């Protein structure tokens, strides 16, 4: 049973993970690979709304997507977007990336090799990964403007789509930990985390929502050093 406090703390993390950007026309939209086909749905919607002339889907497979997306995340995203009415000519695929940093770097390199000039990017991710994706892109591709986007849904809607509330909380806690420790490892820019969000994260981690936390070689939870 998930307590009222846990629900409140989860909502705090959910709200913080979303950047609150308003979509606007950009040079390209990049959909980051994952288990969630909602990324492709959001990309197709943005394309049809005239927000971008080109979609790039990036992602290989992972242990959580290998069975569901055997041809690779980016390929399945492409197929989904075409099913939703996006023309094949408006979709590019980057099939090698296995983490967020590679998503950004490999998509950037693919566009450069194709001679496509990019000044702004609609960066499409899972709803709770907006801030992590934004921080990574700002570190690795600082010369372009980043506009974050995801499927518009509430926390409750997202839990219903996954079907496992505890897993969703674990994922939100893990994503927050990465925002704290990855900047000092050089993977993303540092961002200010409000005290109430930090307190919510601490309570949830202490409450056992830890399956997605990074751990060191000794099995200890990785903590920021500053």
N, C-alpha and C. Protein backbone atom coordinates (compact mmCIF):
# COMPACT_ATOMS: atom_id res chain seq x y z
N UNK A 1 0.84 -1.20 0.00
CA UNK A 1 0.00 0.00 0.00
C UNK A 1 0.88 1.25 0.00
N UNK A 2 0.63 2.15 -0.93
CA UNK A 2 1.40 3.38 -1.03
C UNK A 2 0.73 4.45 -0.18
N UNK A 3 1.50 5.06 0.71
CA UNK A 3 0.94 6.02 1.66
C UNK A 3 0.62 7.35 0.99
N UNK A 4 -0.18 8.16 1.68
CA UNK A 4 -0.49 9.49 1.18
C UNK A 4 0.78 10.34 1.04
N UNK A 5 1.69 10.22 2.02
CA UNK A 5 2.96 10.95 1.95
C UNK A 5 3.76 10.52 0.73
N UNK A 6 3.82 9.23 0.46
CA UNK A 6 4.54 8.74 -0.71
C UNK A 6 3.92 9.29 -2.00
N UNK A 7 2.61 9.33 -2.04
CA UNK A 7 1.93 9.89 -3.22
C UNK A 7 2.27 11.35 -3.41
N UNK A 8 2.26 12.11 -2.32
CA UNK A 8 2.59 13.54 -2.40
C UNK A 8 4.04 13.73 -2.84
N UNK A 9 4.94 12.94 -2.29
CA UNK A 9 6.35 13.06 -2.65
C UNK A 9 6.58 12.66 -4.12
N UNK A 10 5.88 11.66 -4.57
CA UNK A 10 6.00 11.24 -5.97
C UNK A 10 5.53 12.34 -6.90
N UNK A 11 4.46 13.01 -6.54
CA UNK A 11 3.97 14.12 -7.36
C UNK A 11 4.99 15.24 -7.43
N UNK A 12 5.67 15.52 -6.33
CA UNK A 12 6.72 16.54 -6.32
C UNK A 12 7.83 16.19 -7.32
N UNK A 13 8.26 14.94 -7.30
CA UNK A 13 9.31 14.52 -8.23
C UNK A 13 8.81 14.59 -9.67
N UNK A 14 7.61 14.13 -9.91
CA UNK A 14 7.03 14.16 -11.26
C UNK A 14 7.01 15.59 -11.79
N UNK A 15 6.51 16.51 -10.98
CA UNK A 15 6.43 17.91 -11.42
C UNK A 15 7.81 18.49 -11.70
N UNK A 16 8.79 18.15 -10.88
CA UNK A 16 10.14 18.68 -11.08
C UNK A 16 10.79 18.11 -12.34
N UNK A 17 10.56 16.85 -12.60
CA UNK A 17 11.19 16.22 -13.77
C UNK A 17 10.70 16.81 -15.08
N UNK A 18 9.55 17.42 -15.10
CA UNK A 18 9.04 18.02 -16.32
C UNK A 18 9.50 19.48 -16.40
N UNK A 19 9.94 19.88 -17.59
CA UNK A 19 10.52 21.21 -17.76
C UNK A 19 9.46 22.30 -17.93
N UNK A 20 8.28 21.95 -18.37
CA UNK A 20 7.22 22.94 -18.55
C UNK A 20 7.41 23.82 -19.77
N UNK A 21 8.17 23.36 -20.75
CA UNK A 21 8.37 24.13 -21.98
C UNK A 21 7.11 24.08 -22.85
N UNK A 22 6.86 25.17 -23.55
CA UNK A 22 5.79 25.20 -24.54
C UNK A 22 6.38 24.85 -25.89
N UNK A 23 5.88 23.80 -26.56
CA UNK A 23 6.44 23.43 -27.87
C UNK A 23 6.36 24.58 -28.85
N UNK A 24 7.41 24.72 -29.64
CA UNK A 24 7.43 25.74 -30.68
C UNK A 24 8.20 25.17 -31.87
N UNK A 25 8.06 25.77 -33.05
CA UNK A 25 8.76 25.23 -34.22
C UNK A 25 10.27 25.19 -34.01
N UNK A 26 10.87 24.05 -34.33
CA UNK A 26 12.31 23.85 -34.19
C UNK A 26 12.87 23.20 -35.46
N UNK A 27 14.19 23.25 -35.59
CA UNK A 27 14.85 22.69 -36.77
C UNK A 27 14.58 21.20 -36.93
N UNK A 28 14.54 20.49 -35.80
CA UNK A 28 14.39 19.05 -35.82
C UNK A 28 13.80 18.60 -34.49
N UNK A 29 13.13 17.46 -34.50
CA UNK A 29 12.68 16.82 -33.26
C UNK A 29 13.45 15.52 -33.10
N UNK A 30 13.96 15.28 -31.90
CA UNK A 30 14.71 14.06 -31.62
C UNK A 30 13.95 13.28 -30.55
N UNK A 31 13.56 12.05 -30.90
CA UNK A 31 12.87 11.18 -29.96
C UNK A 31 13.84 10.19 -29.35
N UNK A 32 13.94 10.21 -28.02
CA UNK A 32 14.92 9.38 -27.32
C UNK A 32 14.34 7.99 -27.06
N UNK A 33 15.07 6.97 -27.48
CA UNK A 33 14.61 5.60 -27.36
C UNK A 33 14.37 5.17 -25.93
N UNK A 34 13.36 4.30 -25.76
CA UNK A 34 13.01 3.73 -24.45
C UNK A 34 11.96 2.66 -24.69
N UNK A 35 11.36 2.17 -23.61
CA UNK A 35 10.27 1.20 -23.72
C UNK A 35 8.96 1.85 -24.11
N UNK A 36 8.90 3.18 -24.10
CA UNK A 36 7.65 3.92 -24.19
C UNK A 36 7.38 4.41 -25.61
N UNK A 37 6.43 3.78 -26.31
CA UNK A 37 6.06 4.22 -27.65
C UNK A 37 5.37 5.58 -27.64
N UNK A 38 5.01 6.05 -26.45
CA UNK A 38 4.43 7.39 -26.35
C UNK A 38 5.38 8.46 -26.86
N UNK A 39 6.69 8.19 -26.83
CA UNK A 39 7.66 9.14 -27.38
C UNK A 39 7.41 9.32 -28.87
N UNK A 40 7.20 8.21 -29.58
CA UNK A 40 6.91 8.28 -31.01
C UNK A 40 5.57 8.95 -31.27
N UNK A 41 4.59 8.68 -30.42
CA UNK A 41 3.29 9.32 -30.57
C UNK A 41 3.41 10.84 -30.43
N UNK A 42 4.18 11.28 -29.42
CA UNK A 42 4.36 12.72 -29.21
C UNK A 42 5.09 13.35 -30.39
N UNK A 43 6.11 12.64 -30.91
CA UNK A 43 6.86 13.15 -32.06
C UNK A 43 5.96 13.29 -33.28
N UNK A 44 5.14 12.29 -33.54
CA UNK A 44 4.24 12.36 -34.69
C UNK A 44 3.25 13.51 -34.54
N UNK A 45 2.75 13.71 -33.33
CA UNK A 45 1.82 14.81 -33.10
C UNK A 45 2.49 16.16 -33.35
N UNK A 46 3.70 16.34 -32.87
CA UNK A 46 4.42 17.59 -33.08
C UNK A 46 4.70 17.83 -34.55
N UNK A 47 5.04 16.77 -35.26
CA UNK A 47 5.27 16.91 -36.71
C UNK A 47 3.99 17.36 -37.41
N UNK A 48 2.89 16.72 -37.09
CA UNK A 48 1.63 17.05 -37.76
C UNK A 48 1.10 18.43 -37.38
N UNK A 49 1.57 18.94 -36.25
CA UNK A 49 1.20 20.30 -35.84
C UNK A 49 2.13 21.35 -36.45
N UNK A 50 3.08 20.93 -37.26
CA UNK A 50 3.98 21.86 -37.93
C UNK A 50 5.10 22.38 -37.07
N UNK A 51 5.42 21.64 -36.00
CA UNK A 51 6.47 22.09 -35.09
C UNK A 51 7.87 21.73 -35.57
N UNK A 52 7.98 20.83 -36.54
CA UNK A 52 9.28 20.42 -37.06
C UNK A 52 9.12 19.78 -38.42
N UNK A 53 10.11 19.94 -39.30
CA UNK A 53 10.03 19.28 -40.60
C UNK A 53 10.66 17.89 -40.61
N UNK A 54 11.31 17.52 -39.49
CA UNK A 54 12.10 16.28 -39.49
C UNK A 54 12.11 15.66 -38.11
N UNK A 55 11.93 14.33 -38.08
CA UNK A 55 12.03 13.56 -36.85
C UNK A 55 13.27 12.68 -36.91
N UNK A 56 14.02 12.63 -35.81
CA UNK A 56 15.12 11.69 -35.66
C UNK A 56 14.82 10.83 -34.45
N UNK A 57 14.76 9.52 -34.66
CA UNK A 57 14.58 8.59 -33.56
C UNK A 57 15.92 7.90 -33.29
N UNK A 58 16.28 7.83 -32.01
CA UNK A 58 17.59 7.31 -31.64
C UNK A 58 17.46 6.27 -30.53
N UNK A 59 18.09 5.12 -30.73
CA UNK A 59 18.07 4.09 -29.69
C UNK A 59 18.25 2.70 -30.24
N UNK A 60 19.07 1.90 -29.56
CA UNK A 60 19.28 0.49 -29.91
C UNK A 60 18.26 -0.34 -29.13
N UNK A 61 18.71 -1.31 -28.38
CA UNK A 61 17.85 -2.07 -27.49
C UNK A 61 18.50 -2.12 -26.12
N UNK A 62 17.71 -2.49 -25.14
CA UNK A 62 18.19 -2.65 -23.78
C UNK A 62 17.52 -3.91 -23.22
N UNK A 63 17.93 -4.35 -22.03
CA UNK A 63 17.28 -5.53 -21.45
C UNK A 63 15.76 -5.36 -21.31
N UNK A 64 15.29 -4.12 -21.13
CA UNK A 64 13.85 -3.90 -20.95
C UNK A 64 13.10 -3.74 -22.27
N UNK A 65 13.82 -3.59 -23.39
CA UNK A 65 13.13 -3.40 -24.67
C UNK A 65 13.43 -4.49 -25.69
N UNK A 66 14.35 -5.38 -25.38
CA UNK A 66 14.81 -6.35 -26.37
C UNK A 66 13.67 -7.23 -26.90
N UNK A 67 12.79 -7.68 -26.02
CA UNK A 67 11.70 -8.54 -26.47
C UNK A 67 10.59 -7.73 -27.13
N UNK A 68 10.28 -6.58 -26.55
CA UNK A 68 9.18 -5.77 -27.09
C UNK A 68 9.57 -5.07 -28.39
N UNK A 69 10.83 -4.69 -28.51
CA UNK A 69 11.30 -3.96 -29.69
C UNK A 69 12.53 -4.64 -30.27
N UNK A 70 12.37 -5.84 -30.82
CA UNK A 70 13.54 -6.62 -31.26
C UNK A 70 14.32 -5.98 -32.39
N UNK A 71 13.71 -5.10 -33.17
CA UNK A 71 14.42 -4.44 -34.26
C UNK A 71 15.11 -3.16 -33.81
N UNK A 72 15.00 -2.84 -32.53
CA UNK A 72 15.62 -1.64 -31.99
C UNK A 72 14.59 -0.55 -31.72
N UNK A 73 14.83 0.21 -30.67
CA UNK A 73 13.87 1.24 -30.26
C UNK A 73 13.61 2.26 -31.36
N UNK A 74 14.67 2.76 -31.98
CA UNK A 74 14.51 3.79 -33.00
C UNK A 74 13.71 3.27 -34.20
N UNK A 75 13.95 2.03 -34.58
CA UNK A 75 13.23 1.45 -35.72
C UNK A 75 11.75 1.30 -35.39
N UNK A 76 11.44 0.82 -34.21
CA UNK A 76 10.04 0.69 -33.81
C UNK A 76 9.37 2.05 -33.69
N UNK A 77 10.09 3.05 -33.20
CA UNK A 77 9.55 4.41 -33.15
C UNK A 77 9.21 4.90 -34.55
N UNK A 78 10.13 4.67 -35.48
CA UNK A 78 9.90 5.09 -36.87
C UNK A 78 8.65 4.44 -37.43
N UNK A 79 8.52 3.14 -37.22
CA UNK A 79 7.35 2.43 -37.72
C UNK A 79 6.07 2.98 -37.11
N UNK A 80 6.11 3.29 -35.85
CA UNK A 80 4.95 3.86 -35.17
C UNK A 80 4.59 5.23 -35.75
N UNK A 81 5.57 6.08 -35.97
CA UNK A 81 5.32 7.42 -36.51
C UNK A 81 4.72 7.33 -37.91
N UNK A 82 5.22 6.41 -38.72
CA UNK A 82 4.69 6.25 -40.07
C UNK A 82 3.25 5.74 -40.02
N UNK A 83 2.96 4.83 -39.08
CA UNK A 83 1.59 4.37 -38.89
C UNK A 83 0.66 5.53 -38.57
N UNK A 84 1.19 6.52 -37.86
CA UNK A 84 0.39 7.68 -37.44
C UNK A 84 0.34 8.77 -38.49
N UNK A 85 0.92 8.54 -39.67
CA UNK A 85 0.77 9.46 -40.77
C UNK A 85 1.97 10.32 -41.11
N UNK A 86 3.10 10.11 -40.44
CA UNK A 86 4.32 10.87 -40.77
C UNK A 86 4.94 10.23 -42.02
N UNK A 87 5.27 11.01 -43.05
CA UNK A 87 5.89 10.42 -44.24
C UNK A 87 7.28 9.87 -43.94
N UNK A 88 7.62 8.78 -44.61
CA UNK A 88 8.92 8.15 -44.42
C UNK A 88 10.07 9.12 -44.66
N UNK A 89 9.88 10.04 -45.61
CA UNK A 89 10.93 10.99 -45.96
C UNK A 89 11.24 11.97 -44.83
N UNK A 90 10.35 12.06 -43.84
CA UNK A 90 10.53 13.01 -42.74
C UNK A 90 11.10 12.35 -41.49
N UNK A 91 11.57 11.10 -41.62
CA UNK A 91 12.06 10.37 -40.46
C UNK A 91 13.48 9.85 -40.71
N UNK A 92 14.36 10.10 -39.76
CA UNK A 92 15.70 9.52 -39.78
C UNK A 92 15.85 8.63 -38.55
N UNK A 93 16.70 7.60 -38.67
CA UNK A 93 16.90 6.64 -37.59
C UNK A 93 18.37 6.55 -37.22
N UNK A 94 18.63 6.62 -35.92
CA UNK A 94 19.97 6.41 -35.36
C UNK A 94 19.85 5.17 -34.48
N UNK A 95 20.37 4.01 -34.89
CA UNK A 95 20.06 2.75 -34.23
C UNK A 95 21.08 2.23 -33.22
N UNK A 96 22.08 3.05 -32.82
CA UNK A 96 23.18 2.50 -32.01
C UNK A 96 23.17 2.95 -30.56
N UNK A 97 22.53 4.05 -30.24
CA UNK A 97 22.65 4.65 -28.90
C UNK A 97 22.07 3.75 -27.82
N UNK A 98 22.80 3.68 -26.69
CA UNK A 98 22.37 2.83 -25.57
C UNK A 98 22.21 3.60 -24.27
N UNK A 99 22.39 4.91 -24.30
CA UNK A 99 22.12 5.74 -23.13
C UNK A 99 21.81 7.15 -23.61
N UNK A 100 21.42 8.02 -22.69
CA UNK A 100 20.98 9.35 -23.08
C UNK A 100 22.09 10.16 -23.73
N UNK A 101 23.31 10.04 -23.20
CA UNK A 101 24.43 10.75 -23.79
C UNK A 101 24.67 10.33 -25.24
N UNK A 102 24.62 9.03 -25.49
CA UNK A 102 24.79 8.55 -26.85
C UNK A 102 23.63 8.96 -27.74
N UNK A 103 22.40 8.97 -27.19
CA UNK A 103 21.26 9.48 -27.96
C UNK A 103 21.56 10.86 -28.53
N UNK A 104 22.05 11.73 -27.67
CA UNK A 104 22.31 13.12 -28.09
C UNK A 104 23.48 13.18 -29.05
N UNK A 105 24.59 12.57 -28.71
CA UNK A 105 25.78 12.66 -29.55
C UNK A 105 25.59 12.01 -30.90
N UNK A 106 25.00 10.83 -30.92
CA UNK A 106 24.84 10.12 -32.19
C UNK A 106 23.82 10.80 -33.09
N UNK A 107 22.74 11.33 -32.51
CA UNK A 107 21.75 12.07 -33.31
C UNK A 107 22.37 13.34 -33.87
N UNK A 108 23.14 14.03 -33.06
CA UNK A 108 23.83 15.25 -33.51
C UNK A 108 24.76 14.93 -34.67
N UNK A 109 25.53 13.86 -34.53
CA UNK A 109 26.49 13.49 -35.58
C UNK A 109 25.77 13.06 -36.85
N UNK A 110 24.67 12.34 -36.72
CA UNK A 110 23.90 11.91 -37.88
C UNK A 110 23.41 13.11 -38.68
N UNK A 111 22.90 14.11 -37.99
CA UNK A 111 22.40 15.30 -38.66
C UNK A 111 23.55 16.07 -39.32
N UNK A 112 24.68 16.15 -38.64
CA UNK A 112 25.83 16.85 -39.22
C UNK A 112 26.32 16.14 -40.48
N UNK A 113 26.38 14.82 -40.44
CA UNK A 113 26.83 14.06 -41.61
C UNK A 113 25.88 14.23 -42.79
N UNK A 114 24.59 14.45 -42.50
CA UNK A 114 23.61 14.65 -43.56
C UNK A 114 23.58 16.10 -44.05
N UNK A 115 24.39 16.96 -43.44
CA UNK A 115 24.44 18.35 -43.84
C UNK A 115 23.24 19.17 -43.43
N UNK A 116 22.56 18.74 -42.38
CA UNK A 116 21.35 19.44 -41.91
C UNK A 116 21.75 20.43 -40.82
N UNK A 117 21.46 21.70 -41.04
CA UNK A 117 21.78 22.73 -40.06
C UNK A 117 20.73 22.73 -38.95
N UNK A 118 21.21 22.76 -37.73
CA UNK A 118 20.32 22.70 -36.57
C UNK A 118 20.61 23.87 -35.66
N UNK A 119 19.58 24.66 -35.39
CA UNK A 119 19.70 25.75 -34.42
C UNK A 119 18.83 25.51 -33.19
N UNK A 120 17.84 24.63 -33.32
CA UNK A 120 16.95 24.35 -32.20
C UNK A 120 16.44 22.92 -32.31
N UNK A 121 16.19 22.29 -31.16
CA UNK A 121 15.79 20.89 -31.10
C UNK A 121 14.59 20.73 -30.18
N UNK A 122 13.55 20.08 -30.69
CA UNK A 122 12.48 19.57 -29.84
C UNK A 122 12.95 18.23 -29.32
N UNK A 123 13.25 18.15 -28.04
CA UNK A 123 13.82 16.94 -27.45
C UNK A 123 12.70 16.17 -26.75
N UNK A 124 12.35 15.02 -27.32
CA UNK A 124 11.17 14.29 -26.86
C UNK A 124 11.61 13.07 -26.07
N UNK A 125 11.07 12.95 -24.87
CA UNK A 125 11.44 11.86 -23.98
C UNK A 125 10.19 11.36 -23.25
N UNK A 126 10.38 10.38 -22.38
CA UNK A 126 9.32 10.01 -21.46
C UNK A 126 9.04 11.21 -20.55
N UNK A 127 7.82 11.36 -20.04
CA UNK A 127 7.50 12.55 -19.24
C UNK A 127 8.45 12.79 -18.06
N UNK A 128 8.84 11.72 -17.37
CA UNK A 128 9.69 11.92 -16.19
C UNK A 128 11.17 12.02 -16.53
N UNK A 129 11.50 11.96 -17.82
CA UNK A 129 12.90 12.08 -18.24
C UNK A 129 13.20 13.43 -18.91
N UNK A 130 12.23 14.34 -18.92
CA UNK A 130 12.45 15.61 -19.60
C UNK A 130 13.68 16.34 -19.06
N UNK A 131 13.75 16.49 -17.76
CA UNK A 131 14.84 17.29 -17.18
C UNK A 131 16.19 16.62 -17.38
N UNK A 132 16.24 15.30 -17.23
CA UNK A 132 17.49 14.59 -17.45
C UNK A 132 17.94 14.74 -18.91
N UNK A 133 17.02 14.60 -19.85
CA UNK A 133 17.37 14.73 -21.27
C UNK A 133 17.84 16.15 -21.57
N UNK A 134 17.14 17.13 -21.01
CA UNK A 134 17.50 18.53 -21.22
C UNK A 134 18.90 18.81 -20.70
N UNK A 135 19.18 18.36 -19.47
CA UNK A 135 20.48 18.62 -18.86
C UNK A 135 21.61 17.95 -19.64
N UNK A 136 21.34 16.77 -20.18
CA UNK A 136 22.35 16.06 -20.98
C UNK A 136 22.61 16.79 -22.29
N UNK A 137 21.53 17.21 -22.95
CA UNK A 137 21.68 17.92 -24.23
C UNK A 137 22.39 19.25 -24.05
N UNK A 138 22.10 19.96 -22.98
CA UNK A 138 22.76 21.25 -22.75
C UNK A 138 24.25 21.06 -22.52
N UNK A 139 24.64 19.92 -21.98
CA UNK A 139 26.06 19.64 -21.76
C UNK A 139 26.75 19.27 -23.07
N UNK A 140 26.11 18.46 -23.90
CA UNK A 140 26.75 17.89 -25.07
C UNK A 140 26.51 18.67 -26.36
N UNK A 141 25.50 19.54 -26.37
CA UNK A 141 25.12 20.25 -27.60
C UNK A 141 24.70 21.66 -27.21
N UNK A 142 25.60 22.36 -26.58
CA UNK A 142 25.27 23.64 -25.95
C UNK A 142 24.96 24.75 -26.94
N UNK A 143 25.35 24.58 -28.21
CA UNK A 143 25.17 25.66 -29.18
C UNK A 143 23.76 25.72 -29.76
N UNK A 144 22.91 24.73 -29.47
CA UNK A 144 21.55 24.77 -29.99
C UNK A 144 20.57 25.02 -28.85
N UNK A 145 19.41 25.53 -29.18
CA UNK A 145 18.35 25.72 -28.20
C UNK A 145 17.60 24.42 -28.02
N UNK A 146 17.34 24.04 -26.78
CA UNK A 146 16.65 22.80 -26.48
C UNK A 146 15.26 23.11 -25.94
N UNK A 147 14.24 22.54 -26.57
CA UNK A 147 12.86 22.67 -26.10
C UNK A 147 12.39 21.26 -25.73
N UNK A 148 12.09 21.05 -24.48
CA UNK A 148 11.70 19.73 -24.00
C UNK A 148 10.24 19.44 -24.32
N UNK A 149 9.95 18.15 -24.61
CA UNK A 149 8.59 17.74 -24.90
C UNK A 149 8.41 16.28 -24.51
N UNK A 150 7.15 15.92 -24.25
CA UNK A 150 6.79 14.53 -23.96
C UNK A 150 5.29 14.40 -24.14
N UNK A 151 4.78 13.20 -24.00
CA UNK A 151 3.33 13.01 -24.08
C UNK A 151 2.67 13.75 -22.93
N UNK A 152 1.67 14.58 -23.22
CA UNK A 152 1.00 15.32 -22.15
C UNK A 152 0.11 14.39 -21.33
N UNK A 153 0.52 14.09 -20.12
CA UNK A 153 -0.29 13.23 -19.26
C UNK A 153 0.03 13.51 -17.80
N UNK A 154 -0.91 13.17 -16.95
CA UNK A 154 -0.72 13.33 -15.51
C UNK A 154 0.06 12.14 -14.97
N UNK A 155 0.53 12.30 -13.75
CA UNK A 155 1.20 11.19 -13.07
C UNK A 155 0.28 9.98 -13.00
N UNK A 156 -0.98 10.20 -12.65
CA UNK A 156 -1.92 9.08 -12.53
C UNK A 156 -2.10 8.38 -13.88
N UNK A 157 -2.18 9.17 -14.95
CA UNK A 157 -2.30 8.57 -16.28
C UNK A 157 -1.07 7.72 -16.60
N UNK A 158 0.10 8.24 -16.23
CA UNK A 158 1.32 7.51 -16.54
C UNK A 158 1.39 6.20 -15.75
N UNK A 159 1.02 6.25 -14.49
CA UNK A 159 0.99 5.03 -13.68
C UNK A 159 0.03 4.02 -14.30
N UNK A 160 -1.14 4.49 -14.74
CA UNK A 160 -2.10 3.58 -15.38
C UNK A 160 -1.52 2.96 -16.65
N UNK A 161 -0.73 3.75 -17.41
CA UNK A 161 -0.16 3.23 -18.66
C UNK A 161 0.91 2.19 -18.40
N UNK A 162 1.64 2.31 -17.28
CA UNK A 162 2.68 1.35 -16.93
C UNK A 162 2.09 0.15 -16.20
N UNK A 163 1.09 0.43 -15.35
CA UNK A 163 0.43 -0.65 -14.63
C UNK A 163 1.11 -1.08 -13.35
N UNK A 164 2.07 -0.30 -12.89
CA UNK A 164 2.83 -0.67 -11.69
C UNK A 164 3.27 0.61 -10.99
N UNK A 165 2.52 1.04 -9.98
CA UNK A 165 2.81 2.30 -9.32
C UNK A 165 4.18 2.29 -8.65
N UNK A 166 4.52 1.18 -8.02
CA UNK A 166 5.81 1.13 -7.32
C UNK A 166 6.97 1.26 -8.30
N UNK A 167 6.88 0.63 -9.47
CA UNK A 167 7.93 0.75 -10.46
C UNK A 167 8.07 2.20 -10.94
N UNK A 168 6.96 2.88 -11.14
CA UNK A 168 7.01 4.27 -11.57
C UNK A 168 7.72 5.12 -10.52
N UNK A 169 7.39 4.91 -9.24
CA UNK A 169 8.06 5.67 -8.18
C UNK A 169 9.56 5.37 -8.18
N UNK A 170 9.91 4.11 -8.32
CA UNK A 170 11.33 3.73 -8.39
C UNK A 170 12.02 4.48 -9.53
N UNK A 171 11.37 4.59 -10.69
CA UNK A 171 11.97 5.25 -11.84
C UNK A 171 12.13 6.75 -11.58
N UNK A 172 11.15 7.36 -10.94
CA UNK A 172 11.24 8.79 -10.63
C UNK A 172 12.37 9.06 -9.64
N UNK A 173 12.51 8.20 -8.66
CA UNK A 173 13.59 8.35 -7.67
C UNK A 173 14.95 8.16 -8.35
N UNK A 174 15.06 7.15 -9.20
CA UNK A 174 16.32 6.93 -9.91
C UNK A 174 16.69 8.08 -10.82
N UNK A 175 15.70 8.65 -11.49
CA UNK A 175 15.97 9.78 -12.37
C UNK A 175 16.45 11.00 -11.58
N UNK A 176 15.89 11.21 -10.39
CA UNK A 176 16.33 12.34 -9.56
C UNK A 176 17.76 12.13 -9.07
N UNK A 177 18.09 10.91 -8.68
CA UNK A 177 19.47 10.63 -8.25
C UNK A 177 20.46 10.98 -9.36
N UNK A 178 20.14 10.65 -10.59
CA UNK A 178 21.05 10.94 -11.70
C UNK A 178 21.22 12.43 -11.91
N UNK A 179 20.19 13.21 -11.66
CA UNK A 179 20.32 14.67 -11.76
C UNK A 179 21.28 15.20 -10.71
N UNK A 180 21.42 14.47 -9.60
CA UNK A 180 22.31 14.91 -8.53
C UNK A 180 23.75 14.47 -8.75
N UNK A 181 23.96 13.26 -9.28
CA UNK A 181 25.32 12.71 -9.36
C UNK A 181 25.96 12.84 -10.74
N UNK A 182 25.16 12.89 -11.80
CA UNK A 182 25.76 12.91 -13.14
C UNK A 182 26.49 14.20 -13.48
N UNK A 183 26.06 15.38 -12.99
CA UNK A 183 26.82 16.58 -13.33
C UNK A 183 28.29 16.51 -12.91
N UNK A 184 28.56 15.98 -11.72
CA UNK A 184 29.95 15.92 -11.28
C UNK A 184 30.74 14.83 -12.01
N UNK A 185 30.04 13.95 -12.72
CA UNK A 185 30.71 12.95 -13.55
C UNK A 185 30.85 13.44 -14.99
N UNK A 186 30.39 14.65 -15.28
CA UNK A 186 30.56 15.25 -16.59
C UNK A 186 29.51 14.86 -17.61
N UNK A 187 28.40 14.23 -17.16
CA UNK A 187 27.41 13.74 -18.11
C UNK A 187 26.32 14.76 -18.44
N UNK A 188 26.15 15.76 -17.60
CA UNK A 188 25.08 16.73 -17.81
C UNK A 188 25.39 18.01 -17.05
N UNK A 189 24.65 19.07 -17.35
CA UNK A 189 24.81 20.30 -16.60
C UNK A 189 24.17 20.15 -15.22
N UNK A 190 24.61 20.95 -14.29
CA UNK A 190 24.03 20.96 -12.96
C UNK A 190 22.80 21.87 -12.94
N UNK A 191 21.78 21.45 -12.22
CA UNK A 191 20.56 22.24 -12.09
C UNK A 191 20.18 22.35 -10.62
N UNK A 192 19.57 23.44 -10.25
CA UNK A 192 19.15 23.61 -8.87
C UNK A 192 17.95 22.72 -8.57
N UNK A 193 18.05 21.96 -7.49
CA UNK A 193 16.95 21.11 -7.07
C UNK A 193 16.34 21.71 -5.81
N UNK A 194 15.07 22.10 -5.84
CA UNK A 194 14.46 22.72 -4.66
C UNK A 194 14.51 21.80 -3.44
N UNK A 195 14.54 22.42 -2.27
CA UNK A 195 14.65 21.66 -1.02
C UNK A 195 13.50 20.68 -0.86
N UNK A 196 12.28 21.10 -1.22
CA UNK A 196 11.14 20.21 -1.03
C UNK A 196 11.25 18.98 -1.92
N UNK A 197 11.86 19.12 -3.09
CA UNK A 197 12.07 17.98 -3.98
C UNK A 197 13.14 17.05 -3.40
N UNK A 198 14.22 17.63 -2.90
CA UNK A 198 15.26 16.82 -2.26
C UNK A 198 14.70 16.04 -1.07
N UNK A 199 13.89 16.71 -0.28
CA UNK A 199 13.30 16.03 0.88
C UNK A 199 12.38 14.89 0.45
N UNK A 200 11.61 15.13 -0.62
CA UNK A 200 10.73 14.08 -1.14
C UNK A 200 11.55 12.89 -1.64
N UNK A 201 12.62 13.19 -2.33
CA UNK A 201 13.52 12.14 -2.83
C UNK A 201 14.09 11.32 -1.66
N UNK A 202 14.56 12.00 -0.64
CA UNK A 202 15.14 11.31 0.52
C UNK A 202 14.10 10.41 1.19
N UNK A 203 12.89 10.92 1.38
CA UNK A 203 11.86 10.12 2.04
C UNK A 203 11.51 8.87 1.23
N UNK A 204 11.39 9.04 -0.09
CA UNK A 204 11.05 7.89 -0.93
C UNK A 204 12.17 6.86 -0.96
N UNK A 205 13.43 7.34 -1.06
CA UNK A 205 14.56 6.41 -1.06
C UNK A 205 14.64 5.66 0.26
N UNK A 206 14.45 6.38 1.37
CA UNK A 206 14.46 5.74 2.69
C UNK A 206 13.27 4.80 2.86
N UNK A 207 12.21 5.05 2.11
CA UNK A 207 11.03 4.20 2.18
C UNK A 207 11.13 2.96 1.32
N UNK A 208 12.26 2.78 0.64
CA UNK A 208 12.48 1.54 -0.08
C UNK A 208 12.27 1.59 -1.58
N UNK A 209 12.06 2.78 -2.13
CA UNK A 209 11.87 2.89 -3.59
C UNK A 209 13.25 3.04 -4.25
N UNK A 210 13.97 1.96 -4.29
CA UNK A 210 15.40 2.03 -4.61
C UNK A 210 15.85 1.15 -5.77
N UNK A 211 14.95 0.49 -6.46
CA UNK A 211 15.39 -0.48 -7.47
C UNK A 211 16.09 0.16 -8.65
N UNK A 212 15.86 1.44 -8.90
CA UNK A 212 16.49 2.12 -10.04
C UNK A 212 17.63 3.04 -9.62
N UNK A 213 18.08 2.96 -8.39
CA UNK A 213 19.18 3.80 -7.94
C UNK A 213 20.52 3.23 -8.41
N UNK A 214 21.43 4.13 -8.78
CA UNK A 214 22.80 3.73 -9.11
C UNK A 214 23.52 3.29 -7.85
N UNK A 215 24.32 2.21 -7.97
CA UNK A 215 25.09 1.72 -6.83
C UNK A 215 26.55 1.55 -7.23
N UNK A 216 27.44 1.65 -6.25
CA UNK A 216 28.87 1.49 -6.53
C UNK A 216 29.25 0.01 -6.49
N UNK A 217 30.54 -0.27 -6.61
CA UNK A 217 31.01 -1.65 -6.65
C UNK A 217 30.72 -2.41 -5.36
N UNK A 218 30.51 -1.68 -4.27
CA UNK A 218 30.21 -2.32 -2.99
C UNK A 218 28.71 -2.47 -2.75
N UNK A 219 27.92 -2.02 -3.74
CA UNK A 219 26.47 -2.12 -3.58
C UNK A 219 25.86 -0.97 -2.84
N UNK A 220 26.66 0.06 -2.54
CA UNK A 220 26.15 1.23 -1.84
C UNK A 220 25.55 2.22 -2.84
N UNK A 221 24.48 2.89 -2.43
CA UNK A 221 23.85 3.89 -3.27
C UNK A 221 24.82 5.03 -3.55
N UNK A 222 24.96 5.40 -4.80
CA UNK A 222 25.86 6.50 -5.18
C UNK A 222 25.24 7.82 -4.74
N UNK A 223 26.02 8.59 -3.99
CA UNK A 223 25.56 9.90 -3.51
C UNK A 223 26.43 11.00 -4.11
N UNK A 224 25.89 12.20 -4.29
CA UNK A 224 26.73 13.31 -4.76
C UNK A 224 27.81 13.62 -3.75
N UNK A 225 28.97 14.04 -4.21
CA UNK A 225 30.09 14.27 -3.30
C UNK A 225 30.09 15.70 -2.75
N UNK A 226 29.25 16.56 -3.30
CA UNK A 226 29.20 17.94 -2.80
C UNK A 226 27.83 18.24 -2.25
